[in-house]
Amino acid sequence: EKWNEIQKKCFELKEKVGGRFLSVSYEGLITHPEETIVRICSF
């Protein structure tokens, strides 16, 4: 229940701040760490 609520709050924030928001999946971080970290650094 809490997980679902928090994701919705994050979706709301994404709509408000646009390009100041970056979505990253945990699964992407652990399976493609360098690619994901490079993307975060660029952001």
PDB file of all heavy atoms in Angstrom:
ATOM      1  N   GLU A   1       0.831  -1.198   0.000  1.00  0.00           N
ATOM      2  CA  GLU A   1       0.000   0.000   0.000  1.00  0.00           C
ATOM      3  C   GLU A   1       0.867   1.249   0.000  1.00  0.00           C
ATOM      4  O   GLU A   1       0.625   2.202  -0.765  1.00  0.00           O
ATOM      5  CB  GLU A   1      -0.910  -0.016   1.223  1.00  0.00           C
ATOM      6  CG  GLU A   1      -1.852   1.168   1.325  1.00  0.00           C
ATOM      7  CD  GLU A   1      -2.679   1.107   2.597  1.00  0.00           C
ATOM      8  OE1 GLU A   1      -2.096   0.916   3.699  1.00  0.00           O
ATOM      9  OE2 GLU A   1      -3.906   1.262   2.508  1.00  0.00           O
ATOM     10  N   LYS A   2       1.910   1.252   0.846  1.00  0.00           N
ATOM     11  CA  LYS A   2       2.801   2.405   0.921  1.00  0.00           C
ATOM     12  C   LYS A   2       3.612   2.556  -0.364  1.00  0.00           C
ATOM     13  O   LYS A   2       3.817   3.670  -0.857  1.00  0.00           O
ATOM     14  CB  LYS A   2       3.731   2.262   2.125  1.00  0.00           C
ATOM     15  CG  LYS A   2       4.569   3.506   2.396  1.00  0.00           C
ATOM     16  CD  LYS A   2       5.455   3.337   3.628  1.00  0.00           C
ATOM     17  CE  LYS A   2       4.645   3.306   4.896  1.00  0.00           C
ATOM     18  NZ  LYS A   2       5.494   3.217   6.119  1.00  0.00           N
ATOM     19  N   TRP A   3       4.082   1.442  -0.910  1.00  0.00           N
ATOM     20  CA  TRP A   3       4.834   1.493  -2.180  1.00  0.00           C
ATOM     21  C   TRP A   3       3.998   2.170  -3.258  1.00  0.00           C
ATOM     22  O   TRP A   3       4.470   3.050  -3.979  1.00  0.00           O
ATOM     23  CB  TRP A   3       5.205   0.067  -2.623  1.00  0.00           C
ATOM     24  CG  TRP A   3       5.966   0.027  -3.930  1.00  0.00           C
ATOM     25  CD1 TRP A   3       7.315   0.078  -4.084  1.00  0.00           C
ATOM     26  CD2 TRP A   3       5.414  -0.069  -5.244  1.00  0.00           C
ATOM     27  NE1 TRP A   3       7.645   0.033  -5.416  1.00  0.00           N
ATOM     28  CE2 TRP A   3       6.492  -0.053  -6.159  1.00  0.00           C
ATOM     29  CE3 TRP A   3       4.108  -0.150  -5.747  1.00  0.00           C
ATOM     30  CZ2 TRP A   3       6.314  -0.132  -7.542  1.00  0.00           C
ATOM     31  CZ3 TRP A   3       3.918  -0.222  -7.128  1.00  0.00           C
ATOM     32  CH2 TRP A   3       5.011  -0.218  -8.006  1.00  0.00           C
ATOM     33  N   ASN A   4       2.749   1.756  -3.357  1.00  0.00           N
ATOM     34  CA  ASN A   4       1.873   2.299  -4.392  1.00  0.00           C
ATOM     35  C   ASN A   4       1.650   3.796  -4.204  1.00  0.00           C
ATOM     36  O   ASN A   4       1.689   4.580  -5.162  1.00  0.00           O
ATOM     37  CB  ASN A   4       0.538   1.557  -4.359  1.00  0.00           C
ATOM     38  CG  ASN A   4      -0.176   1.589  -5.691  1.00  0.00           C
ATOM     39  OD1 ASN A   4       0.439   1.452  -6.741  1.00  0.00           O
ATOM     40  ND2 ASN A   4      -1.481   1.778  -5.654  1.00  0.00           N
ATOM     41  N   GLU A   5       1.447   4.207  -2.965  1.00  0.00           N
ATOM     42  CA  GLU A   5       1.223   5.619  -2.660  1.00  0.00           C
ATOM     43  C   GLU A   5       2.441   6.458  -3.030  1.00  0.00           C
ATOM     44  O   GLU A   5       2.321   7.551  -3.618  1.00  0.00           O
ATOM     45  CB  GLU A   5       0.906   5.780  -1.175  1.00  0.00           C
ATOM     46  CG  GLU A   5       0.658   7.218  -0.745  1.00  0.00           C
ATOM     47  CD  GLU A   5       0.487   7.356   0.757  1.00  0.00           C
ATOM     48  OE1 GLU A   5       0.706   6.370   1.494  1.00  0.00           O
ATOM     49  OE2 GLU A   5       0.148   8.474   1.212  1.00  0.00           O
ATOM     50  N   ILE A   6       3.627   5.965  -2.696  1.00  0.00           N
ATOM     51  CA  ILE A   6       4.853   6.720  -2.957  1.00  0.00           C
ATOM     52  C   ILE A   6       5.113   6.854  -4.453  1.00  0.00           C
ATOM     53  O   ILE A   6       5.536   7.920  -4.928  1.00  0.00           O
ATOM     54  CB  ILE A   6       6.042   6.054  -2.241  1.00  0.00           C
ATOM     55  CG1 ILE A   6       5.919   6.286  -0.736  1.00  0.00           C
ATOM     56  CG2 ILE A   6       7.377   6.593  -2.750  1.00  0.00           C
ATOM     57  CD1 ILE A   6       6.883   5.502   0.107  1.00  0.00           C
ATOM     58  N   GLN A   7       4.862   5.785  -5.217  1.00  0.00           N
ATOM     59  CA  GLN A   7       5.080   5.889  -6.667  1.00  0.00           C
ATOM     60  C   GLN A   7       4.172   6.971  -7.267  1.00  0.00           C
ATOM     61  O   GLN A   7       4.594   7.754  -8.125  1.00  0.00           O
ATOM     62  CB  GLN A   7       4.813   4.554  -7.379  1.00  0.00           C
ATOM     63  CG  GLN A   7       5.480   3.332  -6.782  1.00  0.00           C
ATOM     64  CD  GLN A   7       6.914   3.506  -6.355  1.00  0.00           C
ATOM     65  OE1 GLN A   7       7.770   3.897  -7.153  1.00  0.00           O
ATOM     66  NE2 GLN A   7       7.201   3.199  -5.083  1.00  0.00           N
ATOM     67  N   LYS A   8       2.941   7.040  -6.790  1.00  0.00           N
ATOM     68  CA  LYS A   8       2.011   8.051  -7.304  1.00  0.00           C
ATOM     69  C   LYS A   8       2.487   9.462  -6.973  1.00  0.00           C
ATOM     70  O   LYS A   8       2.352  10.380  -7.785  1.00  0.00           O
ATOM     71  CB  LYS A   8       0.608   7.801  -6.743  1.00  0.00           C
ATOM     72  CG  LYS A   8      -0.050   6.545  -7.298  1.00  0.00           C
ATOM     73  CD  LYS A   8      -1.423   6.299  -6.697  1.00  0.00           C
ATOM     74  CE  LYS A   8      -2.067   5.039  -7.271  1.00  0.00           C
ATOM     75  NZ  LYS A   8      -3.399   4.765  -6.660  1.00  0.00           N
ATOM     76  N   LYS A   9       3.051   9.650  -5.787  1.00  0.00           N
ATOM     77  CA  LYS A   9       3.600  10.962  -5.426  1.00  0.00           C
ATOM     78  C   LYS A   9       4.783  11.316  -6.340  1.00  0.00           C
ATOM     79  O   LYS A   9       4.959  12.480  -6.725  1.00  0.00           O
ATOM     80  CB  LYS A   9       4.043  10.974  -3.963  1.00  0.00           C
ATOM     81  CG  LYS A   9       2.926  10.832  -2.950  1.00  0.00           C
ATOM     82  CD  LYS A   9       1.935  11.970  -3.017  1.00  0.00           C
ATOM     83  CE  LYS A   9       2.516  13.288  -2.562  1.00  0.00           C
ATOM     84  NZ  LYS A   9       1.508  14.369  -2.512  1.00  0.00           N
ATOM     85  N   CYS A  10       5.574  10.325  -6.676  1.00  0.00           N
ATOM     86  CA  CYS A  10       6.698  10.563  -7.579  1.00  0.00           C
ATOM     87  C   CYS A  10       6.201  10.927  -8.979  1.00  0.00           C
ATOM     88  O   CYS A  10       6.770  11.810  -9.633  1.00  0.00           O
ATOM     89  CB  CYS A  10       7.600   9.334  -7.639  1.00  0.00           C
ATOM     90  SG  CYS A  10       8.502   9.012  -6.096  1.00  0.00           S
ATOM     91  N   PHE A  11       5.144  10.259  -9.442  1.00  0.00           N
ATOM     92  CA  PHE A  11       4.576  10.591 -10.750  1.00  0.00           C
ATOM     93  C   PHE A  11       4.078  12.038 -10.764  1.00  0.00           C
ATOM     94  O   PHE A  11       4.250  12.762 -11.753  1.00  0.00           O
ATOM     95  CB  PHE A  11       3.409   9.657 -11.090  1.00  0.00           C
ATOM     96  CG  PHE A  11       3.777   8.201 -11.220  1.00  0.00           C
ATOM     97  CD1 PHE A  11       2.813   7.208 -11.080  1.00  0.00           C
ATOM     98  CD2 PHE A  11       5.087   7.813 -11.474  1.00  0.00           C
ATOM     99  CE1 PHE A  11       3.135   5.872 -11.204  1.00  0.00           C
ATOM    100  CE2 PHE A  11       5.427   6.468 -11.601  1.00  0.00           C
ATOM    101  CZ  PHE A  11       4.443   5.501 -11.460  1.00  0.00           C
ATOM    102  N   GLU A  12       3.454  12.462  -9.661  1.00  0.00           N
ATOM    103  CA  GLU A  12       2.957  13.844  -9.556  1.00  0.00           C
ATOM    104  C   GLU A  12       4.108  14.842  -9.685  1.00  0.00           C
ATOM    105  O   GLU A  12       4.002  15.851 -10.381  1.00  0.00           O
ATOM    106  CB  GLU A  12       2.269  14.053  -8.201  1.00  0.00           C
ATOM    107  CG  GLU A  12       0.936  13.358  -8.044  1.00  0.00           C
ATOM    108  CD  GLU A  12       0.382  13.534  -6.630  1.00  0.00           C
ATOM    109  OE1 GLU A  12       0.930  14.383  -5.871  1.00  0.00           O
ATOM    110  OE2 GLU A  12      -0.576  12.826  -6.280  1.00  0.00           O
ATOM    111  N   LEU A  13       5.194  14.544  -8.988  1.00  0.00           N
ATOM    112  CA  LEU A  13       6.348  15.446  -9.015  1.00  0.00           C
ATOM    113  C   LEU A  13       6.947  15.516 -10.413  1.00  0.00           C
ATOM    114  O   LEU A  13       7.344  16.595 -10.872  1.00  0.00           O
ATOM    115  CB  LEU A  13       7.402  14.970  -8.012  1.00  0.00           C
ATOM    116  CG  LEU A  13       8.673  15.809  -7.915  1.00  0.00           C
ATOM    117  CD1 LEU A  13       8.351  17.247  -7.514  1.00  0.00           C
ATOM    118  CD2 LEU A  13       9.660  15.187  -6.924  1.00  0.00           C
ATOM    119  N   LYS A  14       7.018  14.393 -11.087  1.00  0.00           N
ATOM    120  CA  LYS A  14       7.560  14.369 -12.448  1.00  0.00           C
ATOM    121  C   LYS A  14       6.806  15.324 -13.362  1.00  0.00           C
ATOM    122  O   LYS A  14       7.410  16.052 -14.172  1.00  0.00           O
ATOM    123  CB  LYS A  14       7.492  12.952 -13.014  1.00  0.00           C
ATOM    124  CG  LYS A  14       8.056  12.829 -14.431  1.00  0.00           C
ATOM    125  CD  LYS A  14       7.964  11.389 -14.922  1.00  0.00           C
ATOM    126  CE  LYS A  14       8.541  11.269 -16.326  1.00  0.00           C
ATOM    127  NZ  LYS A  14       8.474   9.872 -16.822  1.00  0.00           N
ATOM    128  N   GLU A  15       5.494  15.352 -13.226  1.00  0.00           N
ATOM    129  CA  GLU A  15       4.676  16.253 -14.053  1.00  0.00           C
ATOM    130  C   GLU A  15       4.979  17.713 -13.751  1.00  0.00           C
ATOM    131  O   GLU A  15       4.888  18.574 -14.629  1.00  0.00           O
ATOM    132  CB  GLU A  15       3.188  15.963 -13.810  1.00  0.00           C
ATOM    133  CG  GLU A  15       2.723  14.612 -14.325  1.00  0.00           C
ATOM    134  CD  GLU A  15       2.902  14.473 -15.827  1.00  0.00           C
ATOM    135  OE1 GLU A  15       2.547  15.414 -16.554  1.00  0.00           O
ATOM    136  OE2 GLU A  15       3.429  13.428 -16.265  1.00  0.00           O
ATOM    137  N   LYS A  16       5.352  18.011 -12.513  1.00  0.00           N
ATOM    138  CA  LYS A  16       5.591  19.401 -12.106  1.00  0.00           C
ATOM    139  C   LYS A  16       6.953  19.926 -12.530  1.00  0.00           C
ATOM    140  O   LYS A  16       7.087  21.094 -12.899  1.00  0.00           O
ATOM    141  CB  LYS A  16       5.462  19.533 -10.584  1.00  0.00           C
ATOM    142  CG  LYS A  16       4.074  19.288 -10.032  1.00  0.00           C
ATOM    143  CD  LYS A  16       4.095  19.355  -8.509  1.00  0.00           C
ATOM    144  CE  LYS A  16       2.735  19.041  -7.907  1.00  0.00           C
ATOM    145  NZ  LYS A  16       2.780  19.029  -6.418  1.00  0.00           N
ATOM    146  N   VAL A  17       7.977  19.086 -12.449  1.00  0.00           N
ATOM    147  CA  VAL A  17       9.344  19.608 -12.608  1.00  0.00           C
ATOM    148  C   VAL A  17       9.994  19.249 -13.937  1.00  0.00           C
ATOM    149  O   VAL A  17      11.085  19.743 -14.249  1.00  0.00           O
ATOM    150  CB  VAL A  17      10.250  19.149 -11.446  1.00  0.00           C
ATOM    151  CG1 VAL A  17       9.653  19.593 -10.110  1.00  0.00           C
ATOM    152  CG2 VAL A  17      10.469  17.635 -11.455  1.00  0.00           C
ATOM    153  N   GLY A  18       9.376  18.409 -14.721  1.00  0.00           N
ATOM    154  CA  GLY A  18       9.853  18.137 -16.068  1.00  0.00           C
ATOM    155  C   GLY A  18      11.287  17.629 -16.137  1.00  0.00           C
ATOM    156  O   GLY A  18      11.621  16.573 -15.604  1.00  0.00           O
ATOM    157  N   GLY A  19      12.169  18.411 -16.769  1.00  0.00           N
ATOM    158  CA  GLY A  19      13.539  17.991 -17.021  1.00  0.00           C
ATOM    159  C   GLY A  19      14.419  17.883 -15.803  1.00  0.00           C
ATOM    160  O   GLY A  19      15.562  17.417 -15.914  1.00  0.00           O
ATOM    161  N   ARG A  20      13.919  18.295 -14.644  1.00  0.00           N
ATOM    162  CA  ARG A  20      14.702  18.158 -13.404  1.00  0.00           C
ATOM    163  C   ARG A  20      14.434  16.813 -12.712  1.00  0.00           C
ATOM    164  O   ARG A  20      14.780  16.624 -11.558  1.00  0.00           O
ATOM    165  CB  ARG A  20      14.394  19.310 -12.443  1.00  0.00           C
ATOM    166  CG  ARG A  20      14.893  20.651 -12.939  1.00  0.00           C
ATOM    167  CD  ARG A  20      14.741  21.751 -11.898  1.00  0.00           C
ATOM    168  NE  ARG A  20      13.374  22.230 -11.787  1.00  0.00           N
ATOM    169  CZ  ARG A  20      12.632  22.172 -10.692  1.00  0.00           C
ATOM    170  NH1 ARG A  20      13.128  21.625  -9.591  1.00  0.00           N
ATOM    171  NH2 ARG A  20      11.410  22.655 -10.666  1.00  0.00           N
ATOM    172  N   PHE A  21      13.835  15.897 -13.446  1.00  0.00           N
ATOM    173  CA  PHE A  21      13.415  14.597 -12.895  1.00  0.00           C
ATOM    174  C   PHE A  21      13.992  13.483 -13.758  1.00  0.00           C
ATOM    175  O   PHE A  21      13.884  13.504 -14.976  1.00  0.00           O
ATOM    176  CB  PHE A  21      11.885  14.540 -12.912  1.00  0.00           C
ATOM    177  CG  PHE A  21      11.265  13.381 -12.179  1.00  0.00           C
ATOM    178  CD1 PHE A  21      10.722  13.562 -10.922  1.00  0.00           C
ATOM    179  CD2 PHE A  21      11.191  12.127 -12.768  1.00  0.00           C
ATOM    180  CE1 PHE A  21      10.115  12.507 -10.253  1.00  0.00           C
ATOM    181  CE2 PHE A  21      10.590  11.069 -12.104  1.00  0.00           C
ATOM    182  CZ  PHE A  21      10.051  11.257 -10.837  1.00  0.00           C
ATOM    183  N   LEU A  22      14.630  12.506 -13.107  1.00  0.00           N
ATOM    184  CA  LEU A  22      15.191  11.353 -13.820  1.00  0.00           C
ATOM    185  C   LEU A  22      14.684  10.066 -13.196  1.00  0.00           C
ATOM    186  O   LEU A  22      14.801   9.872 -11.985  1.00  0.00           O
ATOM    187  CB  LEU A  22      16.724  11.378 -13.755  1.00  0.00           C
ATOM    188  CG  LEU A  22      17.447  10.211 -14.451  1.00  0.00           C
ATOM    189  CD1 LEU A  22      17.302  10.341 -15.968  1.00  0.00           C
ATOM    190  CD2 LEU A  22      18.915  10.169 -14.060  1.00  0.00           C
ATOM    191  N   SER A  23      14.136   9.177 -14.011  1.00  0.00           N
ATOM    192  CA  SER A  23      13.646   7.888 -13.529  1.00  0.00           C
ATOM    193  C   SER A  23      14.718   6.822 -13.734  1.00  0.00           C
ATOM    194  O   SER A  23      15.291   6.703 -14.830  1.00  0.00           O
ATOM    195  CB  SER A  23      12.374   7.481 -14.287  1.00  0.00           C
ATOM    196  OG  SER A  23      11.339   8.417 -14.064  1.00  0.00           O
ATOM    197  N   VAL A  24      14.979   6.052 -12.682  1.00  0.00           N
ATOM    198  CA  VAL A  24      15.996   4.998 -12.725  1.00  0.00           C
ATOM    199  C   VAL A  24      15.428   3.751 -12.063  1.00  0.00           C
ATOM    200  O   VAL A  24      14.964   3.815 -10.921  1.00  0.00           O
ATOM    201  CB  VAL A  24      17.282   5.428 -11.984  1.00  0.00           C
ATOM    202  CG1 VAL A  24      18.301   4.284 -11.960  1.00  0.00           C
ATOM    203  CG2 VAL A  24      17.888   6.670 -12.620  1.00  0.00           C
ATOM    204  N   SER A  25      15.469   2.621 -12.747  1.00  0.00           N
ATOM    205  CA  SER A  25      15.002   1.383 -12.123  1.00  0.00           C
ATOM    206  C   SER A  25      16.148   0.708 -11.383  1.00  0.00           C
ATOM    207  O   SER A  25      17.308   0.741 -11.827  1.00  0.00           O
ATOM    208  CB  SER A  25      14.428   0.425 -13.173  1.00  0.00           C
ATOM    209  OG  SER A  25      15.459  -0.175 -13.940  1.00  0.00           O
ATOM    210  N   TYR A  26      15.823   0.100 -10.266  1.00  0.00           N
ATOM    211  CA  TYR A  26      16.821  -0.651  -9.499  1.00  0.00           C
ATOM    212  C   TYR A  26      17.392  -1.770 -10.357  1.00  0.00           C
ATOM    213  O   TYR A  26      18.612  -2.022 -10.353  1.00  0.00           O
ATOM    214  CB  TYR A  26      16.164  -1.226  -8.244  1.00  0.00           C
ATOM    215  CG  TYR A  26      17.031  -2.211  -7.501  1.00  0.00           C
ATOM    216  CD1 TYR A  26      18.104  -1.777  -6.719  1.00  0.00           C
ATOM    217  CD2 TYR A  26      16.785  -3.588  -7.584  1.00  0.00           C
ATOM    218  CE1 TYR A  26      18.904  -2.677  -6.032  1.00  0.00           C
ATOM    219  CE2 TYR A  26      17.579  -4.499  -6.896  1.00  0.00           C
ATOM    220  CZ  TYR A  26      18.640  -4.039  -6.133  1.00  0.00           C
ATOM    221  OH  TYR A  26      19.429  -4.935  -5.462  1.00  0.00           O
ATOM    222  N   GLU A  27      16.526  -2.424 -11.116  1.00  0.00           N
ATOM    223  CA  GLU A  27      16.969  -3.534 -11.944  1.00  0.00           C
ATOM    224  C   GLU A  27      17.965  -3.066 -13.011  1.00  0.00           C
ATOM    225  O   GLU A  27      18.958  -3.750 -13.294  1.00  0.00           O
ATOM    226  CB  GLU A  27      15.761  -4.208 -12.611  1.00  0.00           C
ATOM    227  CG  GLU A  27      14.816  -4.889 -11.642  1.00  0.00           C
ATOM    228  CD  GLU A  27      13.845  -3.963 -10.923  1.00  0.00           C
ATOM    229  OE1 GLU A  27      13.786  -2.758 -11.276  1.00  0.00           O
ATOM    230  OE2 GLU A  27      13.140  -4.430 -10.006  1.00  0.00           O
ATOM    231  N   GLY A  28      17.730  -1.871 -13.566  1.00  0.00           N
ATOM    232  CA  GLY A  28      18.670  -1.322 -14.538  1.00  0.00           C
ATOM    233  C   GLY A  28      19.999  -0.959 -13.898  1.00  0.00           C
ATOM    234  O   GLY A  28      21.064  -1.146 -14.495  1.00  0.00           O
ATOM    235  N   LEU A  29      19.929  -0.440 -12.658  1.00  0.00           N
ATOM    236  CA  LEU A  29      21.146  -0.052 -11.955  1.00  0.00           C
ATOM    237  C   LEU A  29      22.056  -1.251 -11.696  1.00  0.00           C
ATOM    238  O   LEU A  29      23.273  -1.160 -11.862  1.00  0.00           O
ATOM    239  CB  LEU A  29      20.776   0.614 -10.625  1.00  0.00           C
ATOM    240  CG  LEU A  29      21.935   0.987  -9.694  1.00  0.00           C
ATOM    241  CD1 LEU A  29      22.851   2.020 -10.350  1.00  0.00           C
ATOM    242  CD2 LEU A  29      21.403   1.531  -8.371  1.00  0.00           C
ATOM    243  N   ILE A  30      21.473  -2.381 -11.312  1.00  0.00           N
ATOM    244  CA  ILE A  30      22.318  -3.529 -10.958  1.00  0.00           C
ATOM    245  C   ILE A  30      22.727  -4.379 -12.161  1.00  0.00           C
ATOM    246  O   ILE A  30      23.767  -5.041 -12.118  1.00  0.00           O
ATOM    247  CB  ILE A  30      21.661  -4.419  -9.882  1.00  0.00           C
ATOM    248  CG1 ILE A  30      20.363  -5.056 -10.391  1.00  0.00           C
ATOM    249  CG2 ILE A  30      21.424  -3.634  -8.604  1.00  0.00           C
ATOM    250  CD1 ILE A  30      19.780  -6.098  -9.442  1.00  0.00           C
ATOM    251  N   THR A  31      21.927  -4.360 -13.231  1.00  0.00           N
ATOM    252  CA  THR A  31      22.283  -5.174 -14.402  1.00  0.00           C
ATOM    253  C   THR A  31      23.131  -4.403 -15.413  1.00  0.00           C
ATOM    254  O   THR A  31      23.897  -5.000 -16.163  1.00  0.00           O
ATOM    255  CB  THR A  31      21.028  -5.715 -15.108  1.00  0.00           C
ATOM    256  OG1 THR A  31      20.170  -4.623 -15.466  1.00  0.00           O
ATOM    257  CG2 THR A  31      20.265  -6.674 -14.189  1.00  0.00           C
ATOM    258  N   HIS A  32      23.004  -3.081 -15.433  1.00  0.00           N
ATOM    259  CA  HIS A  32      23.805  -2.244 -16.329  1.00  0.00           C
ATOM    260  C   HIS A  32      24.342  -1.040 -15.538  1.00  0.00           C
ATOM    261  O   HIS A  32      23.977   0.107 -15.801  1.00  0.00           O
ATOM    262  CB  HIS A  32      22.970  -1.760 -17.509  1.00  0.00           C
ATOM    263  CG  HIS A  32      22.440  -2.872 -18.369  1.00  0.00           C
ATOM    264  ND1 HIS A  32      21.222  -3.450 -18.136  1.00  0.00           N
ATOM    265  CD2 HIS A  32      22.986  -3.524 -19.439  1.00  0.00           C
ATOM    266  CE1 HIS A  32      21.020  -4.410 -19.032  1.00  0.00           C
ATOM    267  NE2 HIS A  32      22.073  -4.470 -19.835  1.00  0.00           N
ATOM    268  N   PRO A  33      25.187  -1.306 -14.534  1.00  0.00           N
ATOM    269  CA  PRO A  33      25.607  -0.237 -13.630  1.00  0.00           C
ATOM    270  C   PRO A  33      26.338   0.929 -14.300  1.00  0.00           C
ATOM    271  O   PRO A  33      25.997   2.084 -14.050  1.00  0.00           O
ATOM    272  CB  PRO A  33      26.497  -0.952 -12.614  1.00  0.00           C
ATOM    273  CG  PRO A  33      26.900  -2.224 -13.270  1.00  0.00           C
ATOM    274  CD  PRO A  33      25.768  -2.609 -14.155  1.00  0.00           C
ATOM    275  N   GLU A  34      27.322   0.638 -15.134  1.00  0.00           N
ATOM    276  CA  GLU A  34      28.082   1.744 -15.729  1.00  0.00           C
ATOM    277  C   GLU A  34      27.204   2.603 -16.627  1.00  0.00           C
ATOM    278  O   GLU A  34      27.223   3.838 -16.541  1.00  0.00           O
ATOM    279  CB  GLU A  34      29.275   1.220 -16.525  1.00  0.00           C
ATOM    280  CG  GLU A  34      30.131   2.362 -17.095  1.00  0.00           C
ATOM    281  CD  GLU A  34      31.460   1.893 -17.648  1.00  0.00           C
ATOM    282  OE1 GLU A  34      31.840   0.725 -17.441  1.00  0.00           O
ATOM    283  OE2 GLU A  34      32.137   2.722 -18.301  1.00  0.00           O
ATOM    284  N   GLU A  35      26.405   1.966 -17.459  1.00  0.00           N
ATOM    285  CA  GLU A  35      25.497   2.710 -18.339  1.00  0.00           C
ATOM    286  C   GLU A  35      24.535   3.578 -17.528  1.00  0.00           C
ATOM    287  O   GLU A  35      24.280   4.749 -17.864  1.00  0.00           O
ATOM    288  CB  GLU A  35      24.712   1.714 -19.198  1.00  0.00           C
ATOM    289  CG  GLU A  35      23.665   2.344 -20.097  1.00  0.00           C
ATOM    290  CD  GLU A  35      22.837   1.296 -20.825  1.00  0.00           C
ATOM    291  OE1 GLU A  35      23.367   0.182 -21.090  1.00  0.00           O
ATOM    292  OE2 GLU A  35      21.652   1.578 -21.103  1.00  0.00           O
ATOM    293  N   THR A  36      24.013   3.026 -16.445  1.00  0.00           N
ATOM    294  CA  THR A  36      23.058   3.759 -15.614  1.00  0.00           C
ATOM    295  C   THR A  36      23.734   4.910 -14.875  1.00  0.00           C
ATOM    296  O   THR A  36      23.190   6.020 -14.797  1.00  0.00           O
ATOM    297  CB  THR A  36      22.394   2.806 -14.602  1.00  0.00           C
ATOM    298  OG1 THR A  36      21.766   1.735 -15.307  1.00  0.00           O
ATOM    299  CG2 THR A  36      21.346   3.551 -13.773  1.00  0.00           C
ATOM    300  N   ILE A  37      24.928   4.663 -14.345  1.00  0.00           N
ATOM    301  CA  ILE A  37      25.635   5.709 -13.601  1.00  0.00           C
ATOM    302  C   ILE A  37      26.071   6.838 -14.530  1.00  0.00           C
ATOM    303  O   ILE A  37      26.008   8.020 -14.164  1.00  0.00           O
ATOM    304  CB  ILE A  37      26.845   5.116 -12.851  1.00  0.00           C
ATOM    305  CG1 ILE A  37      26.362   4.092 -11.815  1.00  0.00           C
ATOM    306  CG2 ILE A  37      27.630   6.216 -12.140  1.00  0.00           C
ATOM    307  CD1 ILE A  37      27.468   3.198 -11.285  1.00  0.00           C
ATOM    308  N   VAL A  38      26.483   6.499 -15.739  1.00  0.00           N
ATOM    309  CA  VAL A  38      26.839   7.527 -16.733  1.00  0.00           C
ATOM    310  C   VAL A  38      25.622   8.406 -17.025  1.00  0.00           C
ATOM    311  O   VAL A  38      25.726   9.639 -17.117  1.00  0.00           O
ATOM    312  CB  VAL A  38      27.371   6.881 -18.029  1.00  0.00           C
ATOM    313  CG1 VAL A  38      27.432   7.908 -19.158  1.00  0.00           C
ATOM    314  CG2 VAL A  38      28.747   6.279 -17.800  1.00  0.00           C
ATOM    315  N   ARG A  39      24.464   7.768 -17.151  1.00  0.00           N
ATOM    316  CA  ARG A  39      23.223   8.526 -17.417  1.00  0.00           C
ATOM    317  C   ARG A  39      22.888   9.445 -16.249  1.00  0.00           C
ATOM    318  O   ARG A  39      22.483  10.597 -16.447  1.00  0.00           O
ATOM    319  CB  ARG A  39      22.075   7.532 -17.667  1.00  0.00           C
ATOM    320  CG  ARG A  39      20.751   8.194 -18.041  1.00  0.00           C
ATOM    321  CD  ARG A  39      19.807   7.188 -18.667  1.00  0.00           C
ATOM    322  NE  ARG A  39      19.396   6.147 -17.768  1.00  0.00           N
ATOM    323  CZ  ARG A  39      18.250   6.169 -17.059  1.00  0.00           C
ATOM    324  NH1 ARG A  39      17.413   7.206 -17.184  1.00  0.00           N
ATOM    325  NH2 ARG A  39      17.924   5.177 -16.268  1.00  0.00           N
ATOM    326  N   ILE A  40      23.080   8.966 -15.025  1.00  0.00           N
ATOM    327  CA  ILE A  40      22.812   9.794 -13.854  1.00  0.00           C
ATOM    328  C   ILE A  40      23.792  10.969 -13.792  1.00  0.00           C
ATOM    329  O   ILE A  40      23.399  12.101 -13.508  1.00  0.00           O
ATOM    330  CB  ILE A  40      22.892   8.949 -12.568  1.00  0.00           C
ATOM    331  CG1 ILE A  40      21.742   7.936 -12.541  1.00  0.00           C
ATOM    332  CG2 ILE A  40      22.834   9.840 -11.327  1.00  0.00           C
ATOM    333  CD1 ILE A  40      21.850   6.917 -11.423  1.00  0.00           C
ATOM    334  N   CYS A  41      25.063  10.686 -14.044  1.00  0.00           N
ATOM    335  CA  CYS A  41      26.072  11.755 -14.039  1.00  0.00           C
ATOM    336  C   CYS A  41      25.732  12.824 -15.070  1.00  0.00           C
ATOM    337  O   CYS A  41      25.851  14.029 -14.799  1.00  0.00           O
ATOM    338  CB  CYS A  41      27.460  11.180 -14.315  1.00  0.00           C
ATOM    339  SG  CYS A  41      28.190  10.298 -12.915  1.00  0.00           S
ATOM    340  N   SER A  42      25.314  12.410 -16.243  1.00  0.00           N
ATOM    341  CA  SER A  42      24.936  13.367 -17.283  1.00  0.00           C
ATOM    342  C   SER A  42      23.779  14.241 -16.812  1.00  0.00           C
ATOM    343  O   SER A  42      23.780  15.463 -17.009  1.00  0.00           O
ATOM    344  CB  SER A  42      24.550  12.616 -18.561  1.00  0.00           C
ATOM    345  OG  SER A  42      24.119  13.509 -19.562  1.00  0.00           O
ATOM    346  N   PHE A  43      22.808  13.628 -16.166  1.00  0.00           N
ATOM    347  CA  PHE A  43      21.659  14.359 -15.633  1.00  0.00           C
ATOM    348  C   PHE A  43      22.092  15.392 -14.599  1.00  0.00           C
ATOM    349  O   PHE A  43      21.554  16.507 -14.547  1.00  0.00           O
ATOM    350  CB  PHE A  43      20.683  13.355 -15.020  1.00  0.00           C
ATOM    351  CG  PHE A  43      19.560  13.955 -14.220  1.00  0.00           C
ATOM    352  CD1 PHE A  43      18.547  14.674 -14.833  1.00  0.00           C
ATOM    353  CD2 PHE A  43      19.514  13.785 -12.842  1.00  0.00           C
ATOM    354  CE1 PHE A  43      17.503  15.228 -14.091  1.00  0.00           C
ATOM    355  CE2 PHE A  43      18.477  14.323 -12.096  1.00  0.00           C
ATOM    356  CZ  PHE A  43      17.471  15.044 -12.724  1.00  0.00           C
TER     357      PHE A  43
END
